[in-house]
Amino acid sequence: SMWLLNIAYMTLGEYPAKVPQQWLIPNLDKDNSGYSVKPFTDIAPNLG
């Protein structure tokens, strides 16, 4: 339930700020691998 609570807050644009601290799973918005790539874009809608 804690995982799904954090996802639900994220769908509202309220993660991590409004997640109650005792139930916050931090850094779901980070890779934490020390490396990043340029973002891909989902263009399936553009092509039908």
All heavy atoms as atom14 arrays in JSON, in Angstrom:
{
  "sequence": "SMWLLNIAYMTLGEYPAKVPQQWLIPNLDKDNSGYSVKPFTDIAPNLG",
  "atom14_mask": [
    [1, 1, 1, 1, 1, 1, 0, 0, 0, 0, 0, 0, 0, 0],
    [1, 1, 1, 1, 1, 1, 1, 1, 0, 0, 0, 0, 0, 0],
    [1, 1, 1, 1, 1, 1, 1, 1, 1, 1, 1, 1, 1, 1],
    [1, 1, 1, 1, 1, 1, 1, 1, 0, 0, 0, 0, 0, 0],
    [1, 1, 1, 1, 1, 1, 1, 1, 0, 0, 0, 0, 0, 0],
    [1, 1, 1, 1, 1, 1, 1, 1, 0, 0, 0, 0, 0, 0],
    [1, 1, 1, 1, 1, 1, 1, 1, 0, 0, 0, 0, 0, 0],
    [1, 1, 1, 1, 1, 0, 0, 0, 0, 0, 0, 0, 0, 0],
    [1, 1, 1, 1, 1, 1, 1, 1, 1, 1, 1, 1, 0, 0],
    [1, 1, 1, 1, 1, 1, 1, 1, 0, 0, 0, 0, 0, 0],
    [1, 1, 1, 1, 1, 1, 1, 0, 0, 0, 0, 0, 0, 0],
    [1, 1, 1, 1, 1, 1, 1, 1, 0, 0, 0, 0, 0, 0],
    [1, 1, 1, 1, 0, 0, 0, 0, 0, 0, 0, 0, 0, 0],
    [1, 1, 1, 1, 1, 1, 1, 1, 1, 0, 0, 0, 0, 0],
    [1, 1, 1, 1, 1, 1, 1, 1, 1, 1, 1, 1, 0, 0],
    [1, 1, 1, 1, 1, 1, 1, 0, 0, 0, 0, 0, 0, 0],
    [1, 1, 1, 1, 1, 0, 0, 0, 0, 0, 0, 0, 0, 0],
    [1, 1, 1, 1, 1, 1, 1, 1, 1, 0, 0, 0, 0, 0],
    [1, 1, 1, 1, 1, 1, 1, 0, 0, 0, 0, 0, 0, 0],
    [1, 1, 1, 1, 1, 1, 1, 0, 0, 0, 0, 0, 0, 0],
    [1, 1, 1, 1, 1, 1, 1, 1, 1, 0, 0, 0, 0, 0],
    [1, 1, 1, 1, 1, 1, 1, 1, 1, 0, 0, 0, 0, 0],
    [1, 1, 1, 1, 1, 1, 1, 1, 1, 1, 1, 1, 1, 1],
    [1, 1, 1, 1, 1, 1, 1, 1, 0, 0, 0, 0, 0, 0],
    [1, 1, 1, 1, 1, 1, 1, 1, 0, 0, 0, 0, 0, 0],
    [1, 1, 1, 1, 1, 1, 1, 0, 0, 0, 0, 0, 0, 0],
    [1, 1, 1, 1, 1, 1, 1, 1, 0, 0, 0, 0, 0, 0],
    [1, 1, 1, 1, 1, 1, 1, 1, 0, 0, 0, 0, 0, 0],
    [1, 1, 1, 1, 1, 1, 1, 1, 0, 0, 0, 0, 0, 0],
    [1, 1, 1, 1, 1, 1, 1, 1, 1, 0, 0, 0, 0, 0],
    [1, 1, 1, 1, 1, 1, 1, 1, 0, 0, 0, 0, 0, 0],
    [1, 1, 1, 1, 1, 1, 1, 1, 0, 0, 0, 0, 0, 0],
    [1, 1, 1, 1, 1, 1, 0, 0, 0, 0, 0, 0, 0, 0],
    [1, 1, 1, 1, 0, 0, 0, 0, 0, 0, 0, 0, 0, 0],
    [1, 1, 1, 1, 1, 1, 1, 1, 1, 1, 1, 1, 0, 0],
    [1, 1, 1, 1, 1, 1, 0, 0, 0, 0, 0, 0, 0, 0],
    [1, 1, 1, 1, 1, 1, 1, 0, 0, 0, 0, 0, 0, 0],
    [1, 1, 1, 1, 1, 1, 1, 1, 1, 0, 0, 0, 0, 0],
    [1, 1, 1, 1, 1, 1, 1, 0, 0, 0, 0, 0, 0, 0],
    [1, 1, 1, 1, 1, 1, 1, 1, 1, 1, 1, 0, 0, 0],
    [1, 1, 1, 1, 1, 1, 1, 0, 0, 0, 0, 0, 0, 0],
    [1, 1, 1, 1, 1, 1, 1, 1, 0, 0, 0, 0, 0, 0],
    [1, 1, 1, 1, 1, 1, 1, 1, 0, 0, 0, 0, 0, 0],
    [1, 1, 1, 1, 1, 0, 0, 0, 0, 0, 0, 0, 0, 0],
    [1, 1, 1, 1, 1, 1, 1, 0, 0, 0, 0, 0, 0, 0],
    [1, 1, 1, 1, 1, 1, 1, 1, 0, 0, 0, 0, 0, 0],
    [1, 1, 1, 1, 1, 1, 1, 1, 0, 0, 0, 0, 0, 0],
    [1, 1, 1, 1, 0, 0, 0, 0, 0, 0, 0, 0, 0, 0]
  ],
  "atom14_positions": [
    [[0.83, -1.21, 0.0], [0.0, 0.0, 0.0], [0.86, 1.26, 0.0], [0.49, 2.28, -0.6], [-0.94, 0.0, 1.21], [-1.87, -1.05, 1.12], [0.0, 0.0, 0.0], [0.0, 0.0, 0.0], [0.0, 0.0, 0.0], [0.0, 0.0, 0.0], [0.0, 0.0, 0.0], [0.0, 0.0, 0.0], [0.0, 0.0, 0.0], [0.0, 0.0, 0.0]],
    [[2.01, 1.18, 0.64], [2.91, 2.34, 0.68], [3.4, 2.69, -0.73], [3.44, 3.87, -1.11], [4.11, 2.04, 1.59], [4.96, 3.25, 1.92], [6.39, 2.82, 2.97], [5.53, 2.27, 4.45], [0.0, 0.0, 0.0], [0.0, 0.0, 0.0], [0.0, 0.0, 0.0], [0.0, 0.0, 0.0], [0.0, 0.0, 0.0], [0.0, 0.0, 0.0]],
    [[3.77, 1.66, -1.51], [4.22, 1.9, -2.88], [3.11, 2.56, -3.7], [3.32, 3.57, -4.37], [4.65, 0.59, -3.53], [4.99, 0.72, -4.98], [4.14, 0.55, -6.04], [6.26, 1.08, -5.54], [4.79, 0.77, -7.23], [6.1, 1.09, -6.95], [7.5, 1.36, -5.0], [7.15, 1.39, -7.81], [8.55, 1.67, -5.87], [8.36, 1.68, -7.25]],
    [[1.92, 2.02, -3.61], [0.81, 2.52, -4.43], [0.35, 3.9, -3.95], [-0.11, 4.72, -4.75], [-0.35, 1.52, -4.4], [-0.01, 0.18, -5.08], [-1.09, -0.85, -4.81], [0.19, 0.36, -6.58], [0.0, 0.0, 0.0], [0.0, 0.0, 0.0], [0.0, 0.0, 0.0], [0.0, 0.0, 0.0], [0.0, 0.0, 0.0], [0.0, 0.0, 0.0]],
    [[0.51, 4.18, -2.66], [0.22, 5.52, -2.15], [1.15, 6.54, -2.78], [0.71, 7.62, -3.22], [0.38, 5.53, -0.63], [0.24, 6.91, 0.05], [-1.22, 7.3, 0.14], [0.89, 6.91, 1.43], [0.0, 0.0, 0.0], [0.0, 0.0, 0.0], [0.0, 0.0, 0.0], [0.0, 0.0, 0.0], [0.0, 0.0, 0.0], [0.0, 0.0, 0.0]],
    [[2.44, 6.23, -2.85], [3.4, 7.15, -3.46], [3.11, 7.35, -4.94], [3.21, 8.47, -5.45], [4.82, 6.61, -3.26], [5.38, 6.91, -1.88], [6.15, 7.85, -1.71], [5.0, 6.11, -0.89], [0.0, 0.0, 0.0], [0.0, 0.0, 0.0], [0.0, 0.0, 0.0], [0.0, 0.0, 0.0], [0.0, 0.0, 0.0], [0.0, 0.0, 0.0]],
    [[2.72, 6.28, -5.64], [2.36, 6.41, -7.06], [1.14, 7.3, -7.21], [1.07, 8.15, -8.11], [2.11, 5.02, -7.68], [3.38, 4.18, -7.66], [1.58, 5.17, -9.11], [4.55, 4.76, -8.42], [0.0, 0.0, 0.0], [0.0, 0.0, 0.0], [0.0, 0.0, 0.0], [0.0, 0.0, 0.0], [0.0, 0.0, 0.0], [0.0, 0.0, 0.0]],
    [[0.14, 7.11, -6.33], [-1.07, 7.93, -6.41], [-0.77, 9.41, -6.21], [-1.3, 10.27, -6.92], [-2.08, 7.44, -5.37], [0.0, 0.0, 0.0], [0.0, 0.0, 0.0], [0.0, 0.0, 0.0], [0.0, 0.0, 0.0], [0.0, 0.0, 0.0], [0.0, 0.0, 0.0], [0.0, 0.0, 0.0], [0.0, 0.0, 0.0], [0.0, 0.0, 0.0]],
    [[0.09, 9.72, -5.24], [0.48, 11.12, -5.06], [1.2, 11.65, -6.29], [1.03, 12.81, -6.69], [1.39, 11.26, -3.83], [0.65, 11.52, -2.54], [0.54, 10.54, -1.56], [0.04, 12.75, -2.3], [-0.13, 10.76, -0.37], [-0.64, 13.0, -1.12], [-0.73, 12.0, -0.16], [-1.41, 12.23, 1.02], [0.0, 0.0, 0.0], [0.0, 0.0, 0.0]],
    [[2.0, 10.8, -6.91], [2.72, 11.22, -8.1], [1.76, 11.56, -9.24], [1.99, 12.51, -10.0], [3.7, 10.13, -8.53], [4.78, 10.58, -9.5], [5.93, 9.25, -9.92], [6.89, 9.12, -8.41], [0.0, 0.0, 0.0], [0.0, 0.0, 0.0], [0.0, 0.0, 0.0], [0.0, 0.0, 0.0], [0.0, 0.0, 0.0], [0.0, 0.0, 0.0]],
    [[0.67, 10.8, -9.39], [-0.29, 11.09, -10.46], [-0.95, 12.45, -10.27], [-1.46, 13.03, -11.24], [-1.39, 10.01, -10.53], [-2.2, 10.06, -9.36], [-0.8, 8.63, -10.71], [0.0, 0.0, 0.0], [0.0, 0.0, 0.0], [0.0, 0.0, 0.0], [0.0, 0.0, 0.0], [0.0, 0.0, 0.0], [0.0, 0.0, 0.0], [0.0, 0.0, 0.0]],
    [[-0.95, 12.96, -9.04], [-1.53, 14.27, -8.76], [-0.5, 15.39, -8.84], [-0.83, 16.56, -8.61], [-2.17, 14.27, -7.36], [-3.27, 13.24, -7.11], [-3.76, 13.31, -5.68], [-4.41, 13.43, -8.09], [0.0, 0.0, 0.0], [0.0, 0.0, 0.0], [0.0, 0.0, 0.0], [0.0, 0.0, 0.0], [0.0, 0.0, 0.0], [0.0, 0.0, 0.0]],
    [[0.76, 15.03, -9.12], [1.82, 16.03, -9.16], [2.25, 16.45, -7.77], [2.83, 17.54, -7.6], [0.0, 0.0, 0.0], [0.0, 0.0, 0.0], [0.0, 0.0, 0.0], [0.0, 0.0, 0.0], [0.0, 0.0, 0.0], [0.0, 0.0, 0.0], [0.0, 0.0, 0.0], [0.0, 0.0, 0.0], [0.0, 0.0, 0.0], [0.0, 0.0, 0.0]],
    [[2.01, 15.62, -6.77], [2.26, 15.99, -5.37], [3.35, 15.15, -4.72], [3.51, 15.17, -3.5], [0.95, 15.88, -4.57], [-0.11, 16.83, -5.07], [-1.45, 16.66, -4.35], [-1.58, 15.7, -3.56], [-2.35, 17.48, -4.57], [0.0, 0.0, 0.0], [0.0, 0.0, 0.0], [0.0, 0.0, 0.0], [0.0, 0.0, 0.0], [0.0, 0.0, 0.0]],
    [[4.08, 14.38, -5.53], [5.21, 13.61, -5.0], [6.49, 14.42, -5.2], [6.68, 15.01, -6.28], [5.34, 12.27, -5.74], [6.58, 11.49, -5.35], [6.53, 10.55, -4.34], [7.81, 11.71, -5.99], [7.68, 9.83, -3.97], [8.95, 11.02, -5.61], [8.88, 10.08, -4.61], [10.0, 9.39, -4.23], [0.0, 0.0, 0.0], [0.0, 0.0, 0.0]],
    [[7.38, 14.49, -4.24], [7.31, 13.88, -2.9], [6.76, 14.83, -1.83], [6.59, 14.43, -0.68], [8.77, 13.57, -2.61], [9.51, 14.69, -3.3], [8.72, 15.02, -4.53], [0.0, 0.0, 0.0], [0.0, 0.0, 0.0], [0.0, 0.0, 0.0], [0.0, 0.0, 0.0], [0.0, 0.0, 0.0], [0.0, 0.0, 0.0], [0.0, 0.0, 0.0]],
    [[6.47, 16.08, -2.23], [6.21, 17.13, -1.24], [5.06, 16.81, -0.3], [5.14, 17.08, 0.91], [5.94, 18.45, -1.97], [0.0, 0.0, 0.0], [0.0, 0.0, 0.0], [0.0, 0.0, 0.0], [0.0, 0.0, 0.0], [0.0, 0.0, 0.0], [0.0, 0.0, 0.0], [0.0, 0.0, 0.0], [0.0, 0.0, 0.0], [0.0, 0.0, 0.0]],
    [[3.97, 16.25, -0.83], [2.78, 16.08, 0.01], [2.59, 14.66, 0.53], [1.59, 14.37, 1.21], [1.54, 16.52, -0.76], [1.53, 18.02, -1.05], [0.19, 18.47, -1.6], [0.18, 19.98, -1.82], [-1.15, 20.46, -2.32], [0.0, 0.0, 0.0], [0.0, 0.0, 0.0], [0.0, 0.0, 0.0], [0.0, 0.0, 0.0], [0.0, 0.0, 0.0]],
    [[3.53, 13.77, 0.24], [3.43, 12.42, 0.78], [3.77, 12.48, 2.27], [4.82, 13.01, 2.64], [4.4, 11.44, 0.08], [4.22, 10.03, 0.64], [4.17, 11.46, -1.42], [0.0, 0.0, 0.0], [0.0, 0.0, 0.0], [0.0, 0.0, 0.0], [0.0, 0.0, 0.0], [0.0, 0.0, 0.0], [0.0, 0.0, 0.0], [0.0, 0.0, 0.0]],
    [[2.9, 11.98, 3.15], [3.23, 11.98, 4.59], [4.59, 11.34, 4.82], [4.9, 10.27, 4.28], [2.1, 11.14, 5.19], [0.94, 11.35, 4.26], [1.55, 11.44, 2.89], [0.0, 0.0, 0.0], [0.0, 0.0, 0.0], [0.0, 0.0, 0.0], [0.0, 0.0, 0.0], [0.0, 0.0, 0.0], [0.0, 0.0, 0.0], [0.0, 0.0, 0.0]],
    [[5.41, 12.0, 5.62], [6.81, 11.62, 5.76], [6.99, 10.17, 6.18], [7.91, 9.48, 5.7], [7.5, 12.54, 6.78], [9.01, 12.42, 6.8], [9.67, 12.84, 5.49], [9.18, 13.75, 4.82], [10.76, 12.18, 5.11], [0.0, 0.0, 0.0], [0.0, 0.0, 0.0], [0.0, 0.0, 0.0], [0.0, 0.0, 0.0], [0.0, 0.0, 0.0]],
    [[6.09, 9.69, 7.03], [6.26, 8.33, 7.54], [5.99, 7.28, 6.47], [6.34, 6.11, 6.64], [5.35, 8.07, 8.75], [3.85, 8.03, 8.45], [3.19, 9.39, 8.54], [3.83, 10.41, 8.25], [1.94, 9.42, 8.96], [0.0, 0.0, 0.0], [0.0, 0.0, 0.0], [0.0, 0.0, 0.0], [0.0, 0.0, 0.0], [0.0, 0.0, 0.0]],
    [[5.38, 7.69, 5.34], [5.06, 6.75, 4.27], [5.76, 7.09, 2.96], [5.49, 6.49, 1.93], [3.55, 6.71, 4.04], [2.79, 6.26, 5.26], [3.17, 5.31, 6.16], [1.54, 6.78, 5.72], [2.22, 5.18, 7.15], [1.21, 6.07, 6.9], [0.66, 7.76, 5.25], [0.04, 6.32, 7.63], [-0.51, 8.01, 5.96], [-0.81, 7.29, 7.14]],
    [[6.66, 8.05, 3.0], [7.36, 8.48, 1.79], [8.41, 7.45, 1.38], [9.22, 7.01, 2.21], [8.04, 9.83, 2.01], [8.93, 10.34, 0.87], [8.1, 10.64, -0.38], [9.72, 11.57, 1.31], [0.0, 0.0, 0.0], [0.0, 0.0, 0.0], [0.0, 0.0, 0.0], [0.0, 0.0, 0.0], [0.0, 0.0, 0.0], [0.0, 0.0, 0.0]],
    [[8.39, 7.07, 0.11], [9.48, 6.29, -0.49], [10.29, 7.28, -1.32], [9.85, 7.7, -2.39], [8.95, 5.15, -1.37], [8.04, 4.23, -0.56], [10.11, 4.35, -1.96], [7.4, 3.13, -1.38], [0.0, 0.0, 0.0], [0.0, 0.0, 0.0], [0.0, 0.0, 0.0], [0.0, 0.0, 0.0], [0.0, 0.0, 0.0], [0.0, 0.0, 0.0]],
    [[11.45, 7.68, -0.84], [12.19, 8.76, -1.51], [12.86, 8.31, -2.81], [13.08, 7.12, -3.04], [13.23, 9.16, -0.47], [13.44, 7.93, 0.34], [12.12, 7.22, 0.39], [0.0, 0.0, 0.0], [0.0, 0.0, 0.0], [0.0, 0.0, 0.0], [0.0, 0.0, 0.0], [0.0, 0.0, 0.0], [0.0, 0.0, 0.0], [0.0, 0.0, 0.0]],
    [[13.14, 9.31, -3.63], [13.98, 9.15, -4.82], [13.38, 8.28, -5.93], [14.11, 7.76, -6.77], [15.36, 8.6, -4.44], [16.08, 9.5, -3.46], [16.03, 10.73, -3.58], [16.75, 8.9, -2.49], [0.0, 0.0, 0.0], [0.0, 0.0, 0.0], [0.0, 0.0, 0.0], [0.0, 0.0, 0.0], [0.0, 0.0, 0.0], [0.0, 0.0, 0.0]],
    [[12.06, 8.12, -5.95], [11.44, 7.42, -7.07], [11.54, 8.24, -8.36], [11.33, 7.71, -9.45], [9.97, 7.12, -6.78], [9.69, 6.13, -5.64], [8.19, 5.89, -5.5], [10.42, 4.81, -5.88], [0.0, 0.0, 0.0], [0.0, 0.0, 0.0], [0.0, 0.0, 0.0], [0.0, 0.0, 0.0], [0.0, 0.0, 0.0], [0.0, 0.0, 0.0]],
    [[11.89, 9.51, -8.23], [12.04, 10.38, -9.38], [13.5, 10.54, -9.79], [13.85, 11.44, -10.54], [11.43, 11.76, -9.09], [11.99, 12.39, -7.81], [12.7, 11.7, -7.05], [11.7, 13.57, -7.56], [0.0, 0.0, 0.0], [0.0, 0.0, 0.0], [0.0, 0.0, 0.0], [0.0, 0.0, 0.0], [0.0, 0.0, 0.0], [0.0, 0.0, 0.0]],
    [[14.36, 9.63, -9.31], [15.78, 9.69, -9.65], [16.28, 8.3, -10.05], [15.74, 7.28, -9.62], [16.6, 10.2, -8.45], [16.26, 11.62, -8.0], [17.11, 12.02, -6.8], [16.84, 13.48, -6.41], [15.45, 13.68, -6.0], [0.0, 0.0, 0.0], [0.0, 0.0, 0.0], [0.0, 0.0, 0.0], [0.0, 0.0, 0.0], [0.0, 0.0, 0.0]],
    [[17.35, 8.28, -10.87], [17.94, 7.01, -11.28], [18.83, 6.41, -10.2], [18.92, 5.19, -10.06], [18.77, 7.18, -12.57], [17.9, 7.19, -13.8], [16.88, 6.49, -13.82], [18.23, 7.91, -14.76], [0.0, 0.0, 0.0], [0.0, 0.0, 0.0], [0.0, 0.0, 0.0], [0.0, 0.0, 0.0], [0.0, 0.0, 0.0], [0.0, 0.0, 0.0]],
    [[19.54, 7.24, -9.46], [20.44, 6.78, -8.4], [21.53, 5.84, -8.91], [22.02, 4.99, -8.17], [19.65, 6.08, -7.27], [18.7, 7.04, -6.58], [19.04, 8.18, -6.33], [17.51, 6.55, -6.28], [0.0, 0.0, 0.0], [0.0, 0.0, 0.0], [0.0, 0.0, 0.0], [0.0, 0.0, 0.0], [0.0, 0.0, 0.0], [0.0, 0.0, 0.0]],
    [[21.88, 5.96, -10.18], [22.92, 5.09, -10.73], [24.19, 5.86, -11.05], [25.19, 5.27, -11.45], [22.41, 4.4, -12.01], [22.17, 5.36, -13.03], [0.0, 0.0, 0.0], [0.0, 0.0, 0.0], [0.0, 0.0, 0.0], [0.0, 0.0, 0.0], [0.0, 0.0, 0.0], [0.0, 0.0, 0.0], [0.0, 0.0, 0.0], [0.0, 0.0, 0.0]],
    [[24.13, 7.19, -10.88], [25.3, 8.0, -11.19], [25.49, 8.25, -12.67], [26.52, 8.79, -13.09], [0.0, 0.0, 0.0], [0.0, 0.0, 0.0], [0.0, 0.0, 0.0], [0.0, 0.0, 0.0], [0.0, 0.0, 0.0], [0.0, 0.0, 0.0], [0.0, 0.0, 0.0], [0.0, 0.0, 0.0], [0.0, 0.0, 0.0], [0.0, 0.0, 0.0]],
    [[24.51, 7.87, -13.47], [24.62, 8.08, -14.91], [23.23, 8.39, -15.47], [22.22, 7.9, -14.95], [25.19, 6.84, -15.6], [25.56, 7.07, -17.05], [26.81, 7.57, -17.4], [24.65, 6.82, -18.07], [27.16, 7.81, -18.71], [24.98, 7.05, -19.39], [26.23, 7.55, -19.71], [26.56, 7.79, -21.02], [0.0, 0.0, 0.0], [0.0, 0.0, 0.0]],
    [[23.19, 9.19, -16.49], [21.91, 9.52, -17.11], [22.05, 9.51, -18.63], [23.16, 9.59, -19.17], [21.42, 10.89, -16.65], [22.33, 11.91, -17.05], [0.0, 0.0, 0.0], [0.0, 0.0, 0.0], [0.0, 0.0, 0.0], [0.0, 0.0, 0.0], [0.0, 0.0, 0.0], [0.0, 0.0, 0.0], [0.0, 0.0, 0.0], [0.0, 0.0, 0.0]],
    [[20.91, 9.38, -19.31], [20.87, 9.46, -20.77], [19.89, 10.55, -21.16], [19.08, 11.01, -20.35], [20.45, 8.11, -21.39], [21.46, 7.03, -21.07], [19.05, 7.7, -20.94], [0.0, 0.0, 0.0], [0.0, 0.0, 0.0], [0.0, 0.0, 0.0], [0.0, 0.0, 0.0], [0.0, 0.0, 0.0], [0.0, 0.0, 0.0], [0.0, 0.0, 0.0]],
    [[19.95, 10.96, -22.41], [18.99, 11.94, -22.9], [17.61, 11.28, -23.01], [17.51, 10.11, -23.37], [19.43, 12.46, -24.27], [20.71, 13.28, -24.23], [21.09, 13.76, -25.62], [22.39, 14.55, -25.61], [22.81, 14.98, -26.97], [0.0, 0.0, 0.0], [0.0, 0.0, 0.0], [0.0, 0.0, 0.0], [0.0, 0.0, 0.0], [0.0, 0.0, 0.0]],
    [[16.57, 12.01, -22.67], [15.23, 11.4, -22.62], [14.69, 11.01, -23.99], [14.82, 11.75, -24.96], [14.37, 12.49, -21.98], [15.09, 13.77, -22.27], [16.55, 13.42, -22.25], [0.0, 0.0, 0.0], [0.0, 0.0, 0.0], [0.0, 0.0, 0.0], [0.0, 0.0, 0.0], [0.0, 0.0, 0.0], [0.0, 0.0, 0.0], [0.0, 0.0, 0.0]],
    [[14.1, 9.83, -24.05], [13.36, 9.39, -25.22], [11.97, 10.03, -25.19], [11.5, 10.47, -24.15], [13.19, 7.86, -25.21], [14.46, 7.08, -25.47], [15.52, 7.12, -24.57], [14.58, 6.29, -26.6], [16.68, 6.38, -24.8], [15.73, 5.54, -26.84], [16.78, 5.6, -25.93], [0.0, 0.0, 0.0], [0.0, 0.0, 0.0], [0.0, 0.0, 0.0]],
    [[11.31, 10.06, -26.33], [9.95, 10.59, -26.42], [9.03, 9.54, -27.04], [9.36, 8.97, -28.09], [9.9, 11.86, -27.29], [10.78, 12.84, -26.74], [8.48, 12.42, -27.34], [0.0, 0.0, 0.0], [0.0, 0.0, 0.0], [0.0, 0.0, 0.0], [0.0, 0.0, 0.0], [0.0, 0.0, 0.0], [0.0, 0.0, 0.0], [0.0, 0.0, 0.0]],
    [[7.9, 9.29, -26.4], [6.94, 8.34, -26.94], [6.17, 9.01, -28.08], [5.33, 9.88, -27.86], [5.97, 7.89, -25.85], [4.98, 6.84, -26.34], [5.08, 6.42, -27.51], [4.1, 6.44, -25.55], [0.0, 0.0, 0.0], [0.0, 0.0, 0.0], [0.0, 0.0, 0.0], [0.0, 0.0, 0.0], [0.0, 0.0, 0.0], [0.0, 0.0, 0.0]],
    [[6.48, 8.59, -29.32], [5.83, 9.19, -30.48], [4.78, 8.26, -31.1], [4.28, 8.54, -32.2], [6.86, 9.59, -31.56], [7.6, 8.34, -32.08], [7.83, 10.63, -31.02], [8.36, 8.6, -33.36], [0.0, 0.0, 0.0], [0.0, 0.0, 0.0], [0.0, 0.0, 0.0], [0.0, 0.0, 0.0], [0.0, 0.0, 0.0], [0.0, 0.0, 0.0]],
    [[4.43, 7.19, -30.39], [3.4, 6.29, -30.92], [2.1, 7.03, -31.23], [1.48, 6.78, -32.28], [3.16, 5.13, -29.96], [0.0, 0.0, 0.0], [0.0, 0.0, 0.0], [0.0, 0.0, 0.0], [0.0, 0.0, 0.0], [0.0, 0.0, 0.0], [0.0, 0.0, 0.0], [0.0, 0.0, 0.0], [0.0, 0.0, 0.0], [0.0, 0.0, 0.0]],
    [[1.64, 7.98, -30.37], [0.42, 8.72, -30.71], [0.56, 9.53, -32.0], [-0.41, 9.67, -32.76], [0.21, 9.63, -29.5], [0.94, 8.97, -28.38], [2.14, 8.34, -29.03], [0.0, 0.0, 0.0], [0.0, 0.0, 0.0], [0.0, 0.0, 0.0], [0.0, 0.0, 0.0], [0.0, 0.0, 0.0], [0.0, 0.0, 0.0], [0.0, 0.0, 0.0]],
    [[1.76, 10.04, -32.26], [1.97, 10.86, -33.46], [1.85, 10.04, -34.74], [1.58, 10.59, -35.81], [3.35, 11.52, -33.42], [3.54, 12.39, -32.2], [2.64, 12.55, -31.4], [4.72, 12.96, -32.05], [0.0, 0.0, 0.0], [0.0, 0.0, 0.0], [0.0, 0.0, 0.0], [0.0, 0.0, 0.0], [0.0, 0.0, 0.0], [0.0, 0.0, 0.0]],
    [[2.06, 8.74, -34.63], [2.05, 7.87, -35.8], [0.8, 6.99, -35.86], [0.66, 6.19, -36.78], [3.3, 6.98, -35.78], [4.63, 7.72, -35.95], [5.79, 6.85, -35.5], [4.82, 8.14, -37.4], [0.0, 0.0, 0.0], [0.0, 0.0, 0.0], [0.0, 0.0, 0.0], [0.0, 0.0, 0.0], [0.0, 0.0, 0.0], [0.0, 0.0, 0.0]],
    [[-0.06, 7.12, -34.87], [-1.24, 6.26, -34.82], [-0.9, 4.84, -34.42], [-1.7, 3.92, -34.64], [0.0, 0.0, 0.0], [0.0, 0.0, 0.0], [0.0, 0.0, 0.0], [0.0, 0.0, 0.0], [0.0, 0.0, 0.0], [0.0, 0.0, 0.0], [0.0, 0.0, 0.0], [0.0, 0.0, 0.0], [0.0, 0.0, 0.0], [0.0, 0.0, 0.0]]
  ]
}
